[in-house]
Structures are given as C-alpha cells and as structure tokens.
Protein backbone atom coordinates (compact mmCIF):
# COMPACT_ATOMS: atom_id res chain seq x y z
CA MET A 1 -60.10 -66.18 68.79
CA ILE A 2 -59.55 -63.93 72.45
CA SER A 3 -55.95 -62.35 72.66
CA LEU A 4 -55.33 -64.60 75.81
CA GLU A 5 -55.92 -68.04 73.97
CA PRO A 6 -52.92 -68.10 72.06
CA VAL A 7 -50.90 -67.67 75.87
CA ALA A 8 -52.81 -69.85 77.69
CA VAL A 9 -51.36 -72.78 74.35
CA GLY A 10 -48.30 -71.39 74.57
CA LEU A 11 -48.13 -72.89 78.40
CA THR A 12 -49.90 -75.97 77.22
CA GLN A 13 -47.06 -76.38 75.30
CA LEU A 14 -44.64 -76.35 77.09
CA ARG A 15 -46.18 -78.40 79.64
CA ALA A 16 -46.65 -80.89 77.15
CA ASN A 17 -43.05 -81.07 76.25
CA LYS A 18 -40.99 -80.64 79.35
CA LEU A 19 -37.24 -81.78 78.66
CA ARG A 20 -37.70 -80.03 75.60
CA SER A 21 -39.04 -76.79 76.95
CA PHE A 22 -36.55 -76.68 79.86
CA LEU A 23 -33.20 -76.88 77.61
CA THR A 24 -34.95 -73.97 75.73
CA LEU A 25 -34.89 -71.74 78.39
CA LEU A 26 -31.87 -72.76 79.41
CA GLY A 27 -30.19 -70.89 76.85
CA ILE A 28 -32.97 -67.61 77.07
CA MET A 29 -31.80 -68.54 81.27
CA VAL A 30 -28.43 -68.77 80.94
CA GLY A 31 -27.75 -65.33 78.75
CA VAL A 32 -30.24 -63.08 80.81
CA ALA A 33 -28.42 -64.31 83.98
CA ALA A 34 -25.26 -63.38 82.08
CA VAL A 35 -26.37 -60.16 81.19
CA ILE A 36 -27.99 -59.36 84.73
CA GLY A 37 -24.80 -60.75 86.37
CA VAL A 38 -22.07 -58.93 84.49
CA VAL A 39 -23.74 -55.64 84.53
CA SER A 40 -24.51 -56.13 87.85
CA LEU A 41 -20.66 -56.62 88.96
CA GLY A 42 -20.28 -54.12 86.58
CA GLU A 43 -22.15 -50.66 88.46
CA GLY A 44 -20.77 -52.76 91.90
CA LEU A 45 -17.00 -51.90 90.62
CA ARG A 46 -18.20 -48.48 89.19
CA ARG A 47 -19.68 -47.77 93.00
CA ALA A 48 -16.52 -48.46 94.58
CA VAL A 49 -13.99 -46.52 92.60
CA MET A 50 -16.09 -43.63 93.10
CA GLY A 51 -16.71 -44.29 96.86
CA GLU A 52 -12.85 -44.22 97.25
CA PHE A 53 -12.33 -40.65 94.82
CA THR A 54 -15.19 -40.02 97.19
CA ALA A 55 -13.03 -41.23 100.57
CA SER A 56 -10.02 -39.08 99.15
CA GLY A 57 -11.38 -35.56 98.93
CA GLY A 58 -14.25 -35.93 96.51
CA ALA A 59 -14.66 -33.56 93.51
CA GLY A 60 -13.81 -30.42 95.29
CA THR A 61 -9.49 -30.60 94.42
CA VAL A 62 -7.32 -29.17 91.72
CA LEU A 63 -4.60 -31.36 91.14
CA VAL A 64 -1.17 -29.15 89.40
CA ASN A 65 2.04 -30.90 89.03
CA PRO A 66 4.56 -30.23 86.66
CA PRO A 67 5.58 -30.99 82.54
CA GLU A 68 6.20 -34.67 81.98
CA PRO A 69 10.11 -35.09 82.04
CA GLY A 70 9.58 -36.38 77.89
CA GLU A 71 7.77 -35.86 75.15
CA ARG A 72 6.41 -37.60 72.63
CA ARG A 73 8.74 -37.69 68.93
CA GLY A 74 8.70 -39.87 66.22
CA GLY A 75 7.08 -42.87 68.12
CA ARG A 76 9.01 -42.47 70.90
CA TRP A 77 9.08 -40.96 73.89
CA VAL A 78 12.62 -38.76 74.73
CA ARG A 79 13.56 -36.69 77.45
CA ARG A 80 13.04 -32.56 77.64
CA THR A 81 16.11 -30.10 76.87
CA TRP A 82 14.49 -27.98 79.67
CA GLU A 83 13.05 -28.51 82.85
CA ASP A 84 10.47 -26.16 84.61
CA PRO A 85 9.95 -27.10 88.13
CA LEU A 86 7.03 -26.74 90.31
CA THR A 87 7.39 -24.80 94.07
CA THR A 88 6.29 -23.12 96.73
CA ASP A 89 6.05 -19.62 95.58
CA ASP A 90 3.91 -20.66 92.58
CA LEU A 91 1.99 -22.68 96.08
CA LYS A 92 1.99 -18.49 97.47
CA ALA A 93 0.88 -17.40 94.49
CA PHE A 94 -2.31 -19.41 94.42
CA TYR A 95 -3.52 -17.98 97.09
CA ALA A 96 -3.17 -14.62 95.70
CA GLU A 97 -4.43 -14.99 92.54
CA THR A 98 -7.77 -16.34 94.35
CA ASN A 99 -9.63 -16.67 98.40
CA ARG A 100 -11.20 -19.56 97.41
CA ILE A 101 -8.60 -22.18 98.67
CA GLN A 102 -9.59 -23.93 101.61
CA ALA A 103 -6.53 -26.01 102.32
CA ALA A 104 -3.36 -26.90 100.07
CA VAL A 105 -0.66 -30.16 100.19
CA PRO A 106 2.49 -29.76 98.28
CA GLY A 107 4.06 -32.73 97.67
CA VAL A 108 7.31 -34.50 97.56
CA ASP A 109 7.47 -38.16 97.46
CA GLY A 110 9.63 -41.09 97.89
CA SER A 111 10.60 -44.10 98.89
CA ALA A 112 12.47 -44.87 102.57
CA GLN A 113 14.53 -46.79 105.17
CA VAL A 114 12.42 -46.40 108.03
CA GLN A 115 14.33 -48.09 111.36
CA PHE A 116 14.34 -48.18 115.14
CA GLY A 117 16.45 -50.43 117.24
CA ARG A 118 17.41 -53.07 115.10
CA VAL A 119 14.34 -53.51 113.26
CA SER A 120 14.41 -51.38 109.78
CA THR A 121 11.22 -51.97 106.91
CA THR A 122 10.75 -50.04 103.54
CA ALA A 123 7.98 -47.06 103.64
CA ALA A 124 6.51 -44.54 101.00
CA LEU A 125 7.60 -41.11 102.04
CA ALA A 126 5.72 -38.33 101.96
CA GLY A 127 6.38 -35.17 102.16
CA THR A 128 3.37 -32.96 102.76
CA SER A 129 1.74 -29.76 105.10
CA GLU A 130 -0.64 -30.10 107.81
CA ASP A 131 -3.72 -29.70 105.72
CA TYR A 132 -2.92 -33.12 104.60
CA PRO A 133 -5.39 -34.51 106.79
CA THR A 134 -8.64 -32.06 105.74
CA VAL A 135 -7.39 -32.52 101.98
CA TYR A 136 -7.73 -36.69 101.85
CA SER A 137 -9.65 -37.21 104.53
CA TRP A 138 -7.05 -39.29 106.86
CA PRO A 139 -6.90 -38.37 110.25
CA VAL A 140 -4.69 -39.35 112.78
CA ALA A 141 -6.07 -42.44 115.35
CA GLN A 142 -2.91 -41.95 118.13
CA GLY A 143 -0.98 -38.34 118.88
CA ARG A 144 -1.04 -35.87 116.21
CA ASN A 145 -0.99 -34.71 113.44
CA LEU A 146 1.62 -31.89 111.48
CA SER A 147 1.01 -28.44 112.87
CA ALA A 148 2.24 -25.29 110.81
CA ASP A 149 4.59 -24.64 113.26
CA ASP A 150 5.99 -28.20 112.38
CA VAL A 151 6.04 -27.11 108.75
CA GLU A 152 7.24 -23.72 108.70
CA GLN A 153 10.46 -24.23 111.60
CA ALA A 154 11.31 -28.05 108.81
CA ARG A 155 11.09 -29.85 112.22
CA ARG A 156 12.13 -33.71 112.51
CA VAL A 157 9.14 -34.92 113.32
CA CYS A 158 6.65 -37.43 111.83
CA VAL A 159 3.62 -39.25 111.34
CA ILE A 160 3.65 -43.22 110.40
CA GLY A 161 0.73 -45.18 109.44
CA GLY A 162 -0.37 -48.82 110.98
CA ARG A 163 1.61 -51.75 109.17
CA ILE A 164 4.88 -49.26 110.41
CA ARG A 165 4.22 -48.78 113.79
CA GLN A 166 3.21 -52.85 113.49
CA ASP A 167 6.39 -53.34 111.84
CA LEU A 168 8.81 -51.23 114.20
CA PHE A 169 7.29 -50.84 117.17
CA ALA A 170 5.22 -54.60 117.63
CA GLY A 171 2.20 -52.95 119.45
CA GLU A 172 3.72 -51.06 121.78
CA ASP A 173 3.27 -46.97 122.08
CA PRO A 174 5.65 -45.37 119.61
CA LEU A 175 5.15 -41.63 120.67
CA GLY A 176 7.67 -39.47 121.57
CA ARG A 177 10.32 -42.42 119.96
CA GLU A 178 12.78 -41.04 117.27
CA ILE A 179 12.96 -43.64 113.97
CA LYS A 180 15.55 -43.13 111.57
CA VAL A 181 14.14 -42.23 107.73
CA ASN A 182 17.00 -42.37 105.31
CA GLY A 183 19.23 -42.38 108.06
CA ASP A 184 18.11 -38.89 110.44
CA ARG A 185 16.67 -39.05 113.80
CA TYR A 186 12.37 -38.00 113.43
CA THR A 187 10.74 -37.71 116.73
CA VAL A 188 7.24 -39.98 115.75
CA ILE A 189 3.81 -37.41 116.57
CA GLY A 190 1.09 -39.46 115.79
CA VAL A 191 -0.43 -42.63 114.39
CA LEU A 192 -2.59 -42.87 110.99
CA THR A 193 -6.28 -44.57 110.99
CA GLU A 194 -5.96 -47.57 108.99
CA ARG A 195 -6.79 -47.08 105.44
CA VAL A 196 -7.09 -49.32 102.26
CA ARG A 197 -7.89 -47.65 99.06
CA PHE A 198 -8.30 -49.32 95.76
CA GLY A 199 -7.66 -52.71 97.70
CA GLN A 200 -4.17 -51.57 99.01
CA ASP A 201 -3.07 -51.06 102.30
CA GLN A 202 -1.91 -47.34 102.94
CA GLY A 203 0.09 -48.70 106.81
CA ASN A 204 2.78 -48.17 105.02
CA GLN A 205 3.56 -44.30 104.93
CA VAL A 206 6.08 -41.83 106.85
CA ILE A 207 4.00 -38.14 106.92
CA ILE A 208 6.78 -35.22 107.33
CA PRO A 209 6.38 -31.81 107.07
CA TYR A 210 7.55 -31.16 103.52
CA THR A 211 10.12 -28.13 104.22
CA THR A 212 11.99 -30.84 106.26
CA ALA A 213 11.86 -33.10 103.03
CA GLN A 214 13.18 -30.37 100.75
CA LYS A 215 15.52 -29.08 103.35
CA ARG A 216 17.12 -32.72 104.23
CA LEU A 217 16.17 -34.69 100.98
CA THR A 218 15.99 -32.52 97.76
CA GLY A 219 17.93 -29.10 99.48
CA ASN A 220 15.09 -27.19 96.79
CA ARG A 221 12.26 -25.68 96.99
CA ASN A 222 10.78 -27.69 94.30
CA VAL A 223 7.88 -30.02 95.28
CA MET A 224 6.16 -32.95 92.90
CA GLY A 225 2.87 -31.44 92.80
CA ILE A 226 0.49 -29.31 95.09
CA THR A 227 -3.27 -30.67 95.90
CA LEU A 228 -5.85 -27.58 96.26
CA LEU A 229 -8.94 -28.42 98.34
CA VAL A 230 -11.43 -25.34 97.13
CA ASP A 231 -14.40 -23.79 99.18
CA ASP A 232 -17.73 -24.95 97.02
CA LEU A 233 -17.93 -27.22 94.55
CA ASP A 234 -19.06 -24.62 91.99
CA ALA A 235 -15.76 -22.85 92.57
CA VAL A 236 -13.67 -25.20 91.00
CA GLU A 237 -13.15 -24.57 87.71
CA GLY A 238 -12.67 -20.93 88.48
CA VAL A 239 -9.75 -21.81 91.19
CA ALA A 240 -8.16 -24.17 87.89
CA GLU A 241 -8.92 -21.17 85.46
CA ALA A 242 -6.79 -18.90 88.29
CA VAL A 243 -3.82 -21.78 88.46
CA ARG A 244 -3.62 -21.77 84.89
CA ARG A 245 -2.73 -17.67 84.73
CA VAL A 246 -0.50 -17.75 87.05
CA LEU A 247 1.57 -20.24 85.90
CA LEU A 248 1.26 -19.04 82.16
CA ARG A 249 2.64 -15.83 84.52
CA ARG A 250 5.50 -17.04 86.25
CA HIS A 251 6.90 -20.01 83.89
CA GLU A 252 8.28 -19.81 80.25
CA HIS A 253 6.59 -23.28 79.73
CA GLY A 254 3.25 -22.59 81.85
CA ALA A 255 1.13 -23.90 79.69
CA GLU A 256 2.86 -27.23 79.58
CA PHE A 257 2.08 -27.98 83.41
CA ARG A 258 -1.09 -30.25 84.43
CA VAL A 259 -3.79 -29.05 85.77
CA ARG A 260 -6.86 -31.37 86.60
CA THR A 261 -9.54 -31.08 88.36
CA SER A 262 -10.74 -34.16 90.57
CA ARG A 263 -13.56 -33.99 89.34
CA GLU A 264 -12.43 -34.29 85.52
CA GLN A 265 -10.63 -37.27 87.31
CA MET A 266 -13.84 -38.77 88.35
CA GLU A 267 -16.00 -38.36 85.58
CA SER A 268 -13.21 -40.05 83.21
CA ALA A 269 -13.00 -43.23 85.89
CA GLU A 270 -16.82 -43.42 85.51
CA ASN A 271 -16.66 -43.08 81.54
CA THR A 272 -14.61 -45.96 81.24
CA LEU A 273 -15.73 -48.30 84.23
CA SER A 274 -19.28 -47.36 82.21
CA VAL A 275 -17.94 -48.62 79.20
CA VAL A 276 -16.36 -51.72 80.56
CA LYS A 277 -20.15 -52.09 81.93
CA MET A 278 -21.39 -51.93 78.66
CA VAL A 279 -19.05 -54.17 76.47
CA GLY A 280 -19.21 -56.78 79.30
CA GLY A 281 -23.20 -56.46 79.44
CA GLY A 282 -22.88 -57.09 74.69
CA ILE A 283 -20.45 -59.80 75.01
CA ALA A 284 -23.31 -61.45 77.71
CA GLY A 285 -26.24 -60.61 75.52
CA ILE A 286 -24.67 -63.23 72.74
CA SER A 287 -25.21 -65.80 74.51
CA LEU A 288 -28.82 -64.49 74.30
CA LEU A 289 -29.02 -64.64 70.75
CA VAL A 290 -27.48 -68.53 71.06
CA GLY A 291 -30.44 -68.78 73.28
CA GLY A 292 -32.92 -66.97 70.04
CA ILE A 293 -31.47 -69.91 67.64
CA GLY A 294 -33.05 -72.07 70.43
CA ILE A 295 -36.38 -70.81 70.44
CA MET A 296 -36.49 -70.80 66.74
CA ASN A 297 -35.66 -74.37 66.19
CA ILE A 298 -38.14 -74.84 68.50
CA MET A 299 -40.66 -73.03 67.13
CA LEU A 300 -39.77 -75.05 63.47
CA VAL A 301 -39.56 -78.28 64.81
CA SER A 302 -43.87 -77.89 66.57
CA VAL A 303 -44.66 -76.31 63.43
CA THR A 304 -43.47 -79.54 61.82
CA GLU A 305 -45.45 -81.65 64.54
CA ARG A 306 -48.21 -79.66 64.72
CA THR A 307 -49.09 -79.43 60.68
CA ARG A 308 -52.16 -81.12 61.14
CA GLU A 309 -53.34 -78.74 63.96
CA ILE A 310 -52.56 -76.32 62.33
CA GLY A 311 -54.74 -77.69 58.65
CA VAL A 312 -57.53 -78.26 61.33
CA ARG A 313 -57.49 -74.64 62.07
CA LYS A 314 -57.13 -73.38 58.84
CA ALA A 315 -60.40 -75.57 58.19
CA LEU A 316 -62.05 -74.41 60.85
CA GLY A 317 -61.67 -70.72 59.57
CA ALA A 318 -58.53 -69.90 61.13
CA LYS A 319 -56.66 -67.42 59.33
CA PRO A 320 -53.15 -67.23 58.49
CA ARG A 321 -52.89 -64.00 60.99
CA HIS A 322 -54.32 -66.08 64.03
CA LEU A 323 -51.74 -68.80 63.35
CA LEU A 324 -48.99 -66.04 63.04
CA PHE A 325 -49.83 -64.44 66.63
CA GLN A 326 -50.35 -68.25 67.54
CA PHE A 327 -47.05 -68.88 67.42
CA VAL A 328 -45.60 -65.72 67.95
CA ALA A 329 -47.49 -65.72 71.09
CA GLU A 330 -45.43 -69.03 72.12
CA ALA A 331 -42.16 -67.68 71.04
CA VAL A 332 -42.56 -64.96 73.66
CA VAL A 333 -43.97 -67.01 76.18
CA LEU A 334 -41.26 -69.53 75.93
CA SER A 335 -38.66 -66.44 76.14
CA LEU A 336 -40.16 -64.41 79.15
CA ALA A 337 -40.63 -67.47 81.05
CA GLY A 338 -36.45 -67.69 80.51
CA GLY A 339 -35.90 -64.40 81.37
CA VAL A 340 -37.88 -64.59 84.60
CA PHE A 341 -35.79 -67.22 85.54
CA GLY A 342 -32.53 -65.51 84.44
CA VAL A 343 -33.12 -63.20 86.20
CA ALA A 344 -33.27 -64.37 89.86
CA LEU A 345 -30.20 -66.54 88.27
CA GLY A 346 -28.51 -62.83 87.43
CA VAL A 347 -29.23 -62.00 90.85
CA GLY A 348 -28.01 -64.85 92.94
CA PHE A 349 -24.60 -64.85 90.66
CA GLY A 350 -24.31 -61.01 92.21
CA LEU A 351 -24.84 -61.70 95.00
CA ALA A 352 -23.05 -64.92 95.40
CA ALA A 353 -19.44 -63.00 94.17
CA ASP A 354 -20.50 -60.23 96.39
CA ALA A 355 -20.01 -62.81 99.68
CA ALA A 356 -16.96 -64.02 98.27
CA ILE A 357 -15.20 -60.60 97.65
CA HIS A 358 -16.07 -60.03 101.09
CA SER A 359 -15.03 -63.18 102.42
CA PHE A 360 -11.71 -62.36 101.26
CA ASP A 361 -11.76 -58.93 101.66
CA PRO A 362 -14.07 -57.81 104.53
CA GLN A 363 -13.04 -53.81 104.44
CA SER A 364 -14.05 -54.25 100.58
CA LEU A 365 -16.01 -51.22 99.63
CA PHE A 366 -17.62 -53.75 96.34
CA SER A 367 -21.06 -54.74 96.30
CA SER A 368 -23.52 -56.30 93.55
CA VAL A 369 -26.03 -53.34 92.56
CA VAL A 370 -28.70 -55.50 90.38
CA SER A 371 -30.24 -52.03 89.72
CA ALA A 372 -34.12 -51.94 88.07
CA ALA A 373 -33.02 -51.07 84.95
CA SER A 374 -30.94 -53.80 84.30
CA VAL A 375 -34.41 -56.13 84.84
CA LEU A 376 -36.28 -54.48 82.84
CA TRP A 377 -34.30 -53.82 79.84
CA SER A 378 -32.87 -57.45 80.21
CA LEU A 379 -36.39 -58.90 80.32
CA LEU A 380 -37.66 -56.45 77.03
CA PHE A 381 -34.49 -58.32 74.97
CA ALA A 382 -35.59 -61.39 76.20
CA SER A 383 -38.84 -60.69 74.93
CA LEU A 384 -37.75 -58.71 71.31
CA VAL A 385 -35.24 -62.35 70.63
CA GLY A 386 -38.38 -64.51 71.24
CA LEU A 387 -40.35 -62.36 69.17
CA PHE A 388 -37.58 -61.85 66.12
CA PHE A 389 -36.75 -65.79 66.68
CA GLY A 390 -40.65 -66.68 66.79
CA VAL A 391 -41.62 -64.82 63.27
CA TYR A 392 -40.06 -67.10 60.55
CA PRO A 393 -41.35 -70.38 62.01
CA ALA A 394 -44.86 -68.42 62.68
CA TRP A 395 -45.00 -67.46 59.70
CA ARG A 396 -44.43 -70.61 58.23
CA ALA A 397 -47.27 -71.83 59.76
CA SER A 398 -49.76 -69.54 58.67
CA ARG A 399 -48.68 -70.11 55.13
CA LEU A 400 -49.42 -73.86 54.78
CA ASP A 401 -52.04 -75.26 52.88
CA PRO A 402 -54.82 -76.47 55.09
CA VAL A 403 -55.68 -79.53 52.50
CA GLU A 404 -51.64 -80.60 52.30
CA ALA A 405 -51.81 -79.92 56.30
CA LEU A 406 -54.87 -82.17 56.59
CA ARG A 407 -53.27 -84.85 54.76
CA HIS A 408 -49.85 -85.09 56.65
CA GLU A 409 -49.15 -87.95 58.50
C-alpha cells in the first residue's frame, strides 16, 4: 500500500457521500473561521490601541501624579488624613536633577462653561504649557499655540478645539475674538487640528496657560499632573528614577506619588489585549472540538458501512496498521479540507467587520489583521483534531475480525 493511497481513498469517500461530508466539514469550517475571525479582530484592536498611544506621545514620556486622595482600608476606600500636592516647583527640581527632559507639560484640568455672544457650551479645560503640541503631537490648524511668554505672564489667551469653534462661531474666523471661560474673558489665538482618540472626538478642548489656570481658577501653584517628554527612549527609566529621587527628597509622602512611563502603560495595555485575544480565540476554538466530534461520528458510521470492505482488505493481506493509517488519513483529509475553507471564511469575516467599522467611522485606526501564524496554527489544530478524533474509529476498523467482517450484511 503506497503512502498516497489512503489520501486518494479518503477523497473518494468524500465525493461518494457529498452531503454527509459537507455537513461534517461545516463543523470544522465554522470552528476555524471563528478562530481566524476573532484573532484577526483582536490583533486589529491591539494595533489600533497601540497606534493611539503612539500618536499621543509614544513610549518616550514619564507621567507624574500626586498621591491618590484615598486609600484602601478594611476592604473599602477611605479619604487620606493628609494631602501632599504636586507643584510647579517640583517641575523645576526635575529639570535640575536630569538633563534628559526634552519638554514638560504641567496639567491643571477641569471642565468649563465657554460663551461667545449668546451662544454657550461646555468644554474640557486644560491649563498647560507651550510644550503641549510637542509632547502630545497635536499642532494647531489655524493661528498659533501657546508661547513661553503667554505662560510666564499668565496671559488670558486660549487655543480651542474644532468642535468649540463650530459651536461658538459657526464656521467664522475665531482668531482675535474674545470668549468667556467660566465668566473670564480670553482671547482666541489658535484652533487645534481635528483629532479622534480611542474613538472619541477631542474637539471640545479649551487650552490656556497653566499659570493662568493657577492664578484665576485654583489660586495656588499645584498641578494635577506633569508629563515629561524624554529625549531618548533608552533614557526613560533613568528619568523616572530621577523623578522618584526628587519626590522622596522634597515630599514627606514622596513614595506615594505615582510615577509611570508610557512604555509601561503600553505594555500593560498590550498584555491585556493579548490575553483578551487569546481567550476569545480559545472560546472560538471550542467549536473546533465540536467539529471533531462530528468527524468521529462520521468515521464510526463509515466503519460500520464499510465492514465488508475491511474484511476483503484483510483477506487480501492488509495489516491492522494499514487500516489504521487508512481511516486516520481519511479523518485528517476531512478536517484539513474543512480547515482550508474555514480560513477563507474567517478572512472574509474579518474583512467584512473591518469594512463595517470604517463605514460607521471612516477615521478609525482599526483594521482586521490576519497573520500567517494564526492561519498556520488554525490549520495545524484542525489537522490535530481530525487525527485525535479519527484514531478511535480507525482502531476499531483495524481490530475487526476478517471472517466476521466478510459475513457482515
């Protein structure tokens, strides 16, 4: 018996029982398609999220925040009895501690009611520095950004987002106009480029100098956070350690301050998304096992139907290992054929989902990604399923007594 004969016989059996073979293939097809589709969507989501991180400053930043206002005690959160704020004096100390800081963005954030004439709307207010467009890769589309003089002199100027411009000015040129921000007058000096981050339009921003926000809104030198842009990715961890040293030296509760690198955030997000992708693929893979049970069922029926054929083969000298190989090969051919069709179906599902998402949001960074590894693993798994579930029926066929098999009607 030559090695290709079992494969040829397997294909002949598939053609001889077309409907039954198709229904068996369908289980494997659905299983492989589900795995390919889920994994491709998961990989597309991972890349889209990582792209959003990169577009918002990449991995070369260090984020510094004051201690959380509460702590966990006895299984519940309670407010701390002390407060240790982050200030602009800390920022000066960061610059003195290391020369690897390229730019810095202190943040004094909140919401504000903005008004022009009789029209008003709610905006996200950000008190920041002239380095904002550098750190967050967000330039202005019209006018200019904040300058060092604006920050130093705490001027009442602002840069607005596209949605604020549309709501207040209805397409008219806003530059040089005065708007009211929480009742105070600010001169519009620029309009930010349109930006969508993590599916959310960021056009409701109003950006003012952080010194102005401290003077007119908070009345102190505190900031809610500081983002530092490092001049070299390899220096990020070194800058983070320098920041921790400064905080420990300058603050009683310096160890409670939160110092994180965006690389850590990206790795954490990527690990979470990878786990979600694997879990989703694993759940989808359960349908492959269901398809494998279908293969076992069809092979057991095939053994019963072909009992006389098995008897004739044994009478002509076929050994048990020949019959074992014969039926295992048929099961593998069946599962592999379903796997090939399932890959095509899964790729089509991913592309259809991609097209549907972009039809709702043309600016979305999401794209379905079908990797060669996922295709190869799916085909391998489908073949292993056929092999695993085909062994028992093949074993039963190889153990049949030739005399009893020839008597079978």
